[in-house]
C-alpha atoms as a PDB file:
ATOM      1  CA  MET A   1     111.596 202.515 122.533  1.00  0.00           C
ATOM      2  CA  LYS A   2     111.976 205.731 124.496  1.00  0.00           C
ATOM      3  CA  GLU A   3     114.889 207.806 125.727  1.00  0.00           C
ATOM      4  CA  VAL A   4     114.601 208.969 129.324  1.00  0.00           C
ATOM      5  CA  MET A   5     116.816 211.943 130.175  1.00  0.00           C
ATOM      6  CA  ALA A   6     117.012 213.027 133.806  1.00  0.00           C
ATOM      7  CA  ILE A   7     118.958 216.013 135.084  1.00  0.00           C
ATOM      8  CA  ILE A   8     119.697 215.604 138.799  1.00  0.00           C
ATOM      9  CA  ARG A   9     121.817 217.001 141.624  1.00  0.00           C
ATOM     10  CA  GLN A  10     125.390 215.724 141.548  1.00  0.00           C
ATOM     11  CA  ASN A  11     125.201 214.429 145.135  1.00  0.00           C
ATOM     12  CA  LYS A  12     122.400 212.024 144.115  1.00  0.00           C
ATOM     13  CA  VAL A  13     124.368 210.109 141.470  1.00  0.00           C
ATOM     14  CA  ASN A  14     125.352 207.067 143.575  1.00  0.00           C
ATOM     15  CA  ALA A  15     121.874 206.631 145.051  1.00  0.00           C
ATOM     16  CA  THR A  16     120.368 206.960 141.566  1.00  0.00           C
ATOM     17  CA  LYS A  17     122.763 204.385 140.059  1.00  0.00           C
ATOM     18  CA  ASP A  18     121.895 201.899 142.823  1.00  0.00           C
ATOM     19  CA  ALA A  19     118.150 202.515 142.503  1.00  0.00           C
ATOM     20  CA  LEU A  20     118.185 202.095 138.716  1.00  0.00           C
ATOM     21  CA  ALA A  21     120.170 198.843 138.984  1.00  0.00           C
ATOM     22  CA  ASN A  22     117.804 197.533 141.673  1.00  0.00           C
ATOM     23  CA  ALA A  23     114.819 198.439 139.475  1.00  0.00           C
ATOM     24  CA  GLY A  24     116.302 196.397 136.606  1.00  0.00           C
ATOM     25  CA  PHE A  25     117.948 199.190 134.602  1.00  0.00           C
ATOM     26  CA  PRO A  26     121.730 198.788 134.975  1.00  0.00           C
ATOM     27  CA  ALA A  27     122.562 200.258 131.531  1.00  0.00           C
ATOM     28  CA  PHE A  28     122.687 204.040 131.239  1.00  0.00           C
ATOM     29  CA  THR A  29     124.922 206.969 130.390  1.00  0.00           C
ATOM     30  CA  CYS A  30     125.735 209.644 132.974  1.00  0.00           C
ATOM     31  CA  ARG A  31     127.465 212.913 132.086  1.00  0.00           C
ATOM     32  CA  LYS A  32     128.559 216.049 133.918  1.00  0.00           C
ATOM     33  CA  VAL A  33     126.601 219.106 132.819  1.00  0.00           C
ATOM     34  CA  MET A  34     126.232 222.734 133.867  1.00  0.00           C
ATOM     35  CA  GLY A  35     122.955 224.599 133.761  1.00  0.00           C
ATOM     36  CA  ARG A  36     120.284 226.540 135.546  1.00  0.00           C
ATOM     37  CA  GLY A  37     116.535 226.533 135.845  1.00  0.00           C
ATOM     38  CA  LYS A  38     114.116 229.260 134.921  1.00  0.00           C
ATOM     39  CA  ASN A  39     113.100 230.056 138.492  1.00  0.00           C
ATOM     40  CA  SER A  40     112.652 233.748 138.974  1.00  0.00           C
ATOM     41  CA  VAL A  41     113.751 235.613 142.079  1.00  0.00           C
ATOM     42  CA  ASP A  42     112.479 238.980 143.237  1.00  0.00           C
ATOM     43  CA  PRO A  43     115.178 241.428 142.016  1.00  0.00           C
ATOM     44  CA  ALA A  44     114.886 243.539 145.188  1.00  0.00           C
ATOM     45  CA  LEU A  45     115.520 240.464 147.355  1.00  0.00           C
ATOM     46  CA  LEU A  46     118.483 239.504 145.193  1.00  0.00           C
ATOM     47  CA  GLN A  47     120.026 242.974 145.516  1.00  0.00           C
ATOM     48  CA  THR A  48     119.564 242.921 149.311  1.00  0.00           C
ATOM     49  CA  ILE A  49     121.299 239.535 149.596  1.00  0.00           C
ATOM     50  CA  LEU A  50     124.130 240.607 147.274  1.00  0.00           C
ATOM     51  CA  LYS A  51     124.805 243.711 149.377  1.00  0.00           C
ATOM     52  CA  GLN A  52     125.393 241.394 152.370  1.00  0.00           C
ATOM     53  CA  GLY A  53     128.191 239.738 150.414  1.00  0.00           C
ATOM     54  CA  THR A  54     127.255 236.063 150.867  1.00  0.00           C
ATOM     55  CA  LEU A  55     124.401 233.806 149.911  1.00  0.00           C
ATOM     56  CA  PRO A  56     122.630 231.732 152.568  1.00  0.00           C
ATOM     57  CA  LEU A  57     123.422 227.989 152.589  1.00  0.00           C
ATOM     58  CA  SER A  58     119.850 226.885 151.916  1.00  0.00           C
ATOM     59  CA  ALA A  59     117.400 226.174 149.133  1.00  0.00           C
ATOM     60  CA  LEU A  60     116.894 229.951 148.896  1.00  0.00           C
ATOM     61  CA  GLY A  61     120.645 230.419 148.526  1.00  0.00           C
ATOM     62  CA  GLU A  62     120.730 227.886 145.706  1.00  0.00           C
ATOM     63  CA  GLN A  63     117.774 229.546 144.015  1.00  0.00           C
ATOM     64  CA  LEU A  64     119.438 232.958 144.279  1.00  0.00           C
ATOM     65  CA  SER A  65     122.765 231.713 142.981  1.00  0.00           C
ATOM     66  CA  GLU A  66     121.017 229.890 140.152  1.00  0.00           C
ATOM     67  CA  THR A  67     119.925 233.231 138.688  1.00  0.00           C
ATOM     68  CA  MET A  68     123.577 234.335 138.484  1.00  0.00           C
ATOM     69  CA  ARG A  69     125.630 231.274 137.573  1.00  0.00           C
ATOM     70  CA  LEU A  70     125.494 227.794 136.136  1.00  0.00           C
ATOM     71  CA  ILE A  71     125.069 224.951 138.615  1.00  0.00           C
ATOM     72  CA  PRO A  72     126.907 221.610 138.216  1.00  0.00           C
ATOM     73  CA  LYS A  73     124.422 218.783 137.627  1.00  0.00           C
ATOM     74  CA  ARG A  74     124.423 215.269 136.192  1.00  0.00           C
ATOM     75  CA  ILE A  75     122.357 214.000 133.282  1.00  0.00           C
ATOM     76  CA  PHE A  76     121.359 210.353 133.032  1.00  0.00           C
ATOM     77  CA  THR A  77     120.258 208.912 129.698  1.00  0.00           C
ATOM     78  CA  LEU A  78     118.502 205.552 129.403  1.00  0.00           C
ATOM     79  CA  ILE A  79     116.911 203.828 126.420  1.00  0.00           C
ATOM     80  CA  VAL A  80     113.997 201.672 127.560  1.00  0.00           C
ATOM     81  CA  GLU A  81     110.924 199.957 126.213  1.00  0.00           C
ATOM     82  CA  GLU A  82     107.804 202.116 126.285  1.00  0.00           C
ATOM     83  CA  GLU A  83     106.203 200.011 129.028  1.00  0.00           C
ATOM     84  CA  ASP A  84     109.225 200.650 131.309  1.00  0.00           C
ATOM     85  CA  VAL A  85     109.164 204.448 131.093  1.00  0.00           C
ATOM     86  CA  GLU A  86     106.827 204.915 134.060  1.00  0.00           C
ATOM     87  CA  LYS A  87     108.962 202.650 136.277  1.00  0.00           C
ATOM     88  CA  VAL A  88     112.150 204.531 135.366  1.00  0.00           C
ATOM     89  CA  VAL A  89     110.510 207.922 135.947  1.00  0.00           C
ATOM     90  CA  LYS A  90     109.174 206.824 139.351  1.00  0.00           C
ATOM     91  CA  THR A  91     112.649 205.573 140.298  1.00  0.00           C
ATOM     92  CA  PHE A  92     114.219 208.935 139.454  1.00  0.00           C
ATOM     93  CA  ILE A  93     111.553 210.837 141.382  1.00  0.00           C
ATOM     94  CA  GLU A  94     111.732 208.608 144.478  1.00  0.00           C
ATOM     95  CA  VAL A  95     115.512 208.950 144.753  1.00  0.00           C
ATOM     96  CA  ASN A  96     115.949 212.591 143.762  1.00  0.00           C
ATOM     97  CA  SER A  97     112.942 214.414 145.191  1.00  0.00           C
ATOM     98  CA  THR A  98     113.870 216.599 148.174  1.00  0.00           C
ATOM     99  CA  GLY A  99     110.982 219.024 147.771  1.00  0.00           C
ATOM    100  CA  ASN A 100     113.382 221.886 147.043  1.00  0.00           C
ATOM    101  CA  VAL A 101     114.079 223.994 143.978  1.00  0.00           C
ATOM    102  CA  GLY A 102     116.742 222.341 141.816  1.00  0.00           C
ATOM    103  CA  ASP A 103     115.749 218.685 142.285  1.00  0.00           C
ATOM    104  CA  GLY A 104     115.875 218.218 138.510  1.00  0.00           C
ATOM    105  CA  LYS A 105     113.886 217.511 135.373  1.00  0.00           C
ATOM    106  CA  ILE A 106     112.970 214.393 133.410  1.00  0.00           C
ATOM    107  CA  PHE A 107     112.410 214.373 129.653  1.00  0.00           C
ATOM    108  CA  ILE A 108     110.995 211.524 127.529  1.00  0.00           C
ATOM    109  CA  LEU A 109     111.866 211.307 123.829  1.00  0.00           C
ATOM    110  CA  PRO A 110     110.951 208.775 121.138  1.00  0.00           C
ATOM    111  CA  ILE A 111     113.629 206.547 119.606  1.00  0.00           C
ATOM    112  CA  TYR A 112     112.835 205.803 115.976  1.00  0.00           C
ATOM    113  CA  GLU A 113     115.829 203.705 114.981  1.00  0.00           C
ATOM    114  CA  ALA A 114     118.887 202.126 116.576  1.00  0.00           C
ATOM    115  CA  TYR A 115     121.942 200.565 114.978  1.00  0.00           C
ATOM    116  CA  THR A 116     124.737 198.360 116.261  1.00  0.00           C
ATOM    117  CA  ILE A 117     127.982 200.003 115.196  1.00  0.00           C
ATOM    118  CA  ARG A 118     129.954 196.734 115.097  1.00  0.00           C
ATOM    119  CA  SER A 119     127.629 195.042 112.602  1.00  0.00           C
ATOM    120  CA  GLY A 120     125.800 198.007 111.097  1.00  0.00           C
ATOM    121  CA  GLU A 121     122.505 196.223 111.694  1.00  0.00           C
ATOM    122  CA  MET A 122     119.333 197.953 112.767  1.00  0.00           C
ATOM    123  CA  THR A 123     118.279 196.573 116.122  1.00  0.00           C
ATOM    124  CA  GLN A 124     115.257 196.736 118.381  1.00  0.00           C
ATOM    125  CA  ASP A 125     117.551 196.161 121.369  1.00  0.00           C
ATOM    126  CA  ALA A 126     119.234 199.580 121.655  1.00  0.00           C
ATOM    127  CA  TYR A 127     120.270 199.242 125.282  1.00  0.00           C
END
């Protein structure tokens, strides 16, 4: 089993939920998170924009603001069989890719064990 974690824009949550359900993955966890990427901005450009007093409403504006503050995002977590990872990743990319900075990140982690809390039994069916 694998854990798929995807950090996406908050305005893409409903489309992502629908796409995952349609792809056969209706079980997931979604949480509100705050964060920023590691994109670097030319400091001289940043100072010029800041002197104007407002940031442009564009991908550049988001990139500039990302260097100064945390951006609200959503993180989806799914536990899937190893053979389903590629399908889940493609679903996230198809729905969330705008071609702009800040579209998100996807991380894949191994799941070594899973337990059912009610019974205390180890299970292969963690989702």
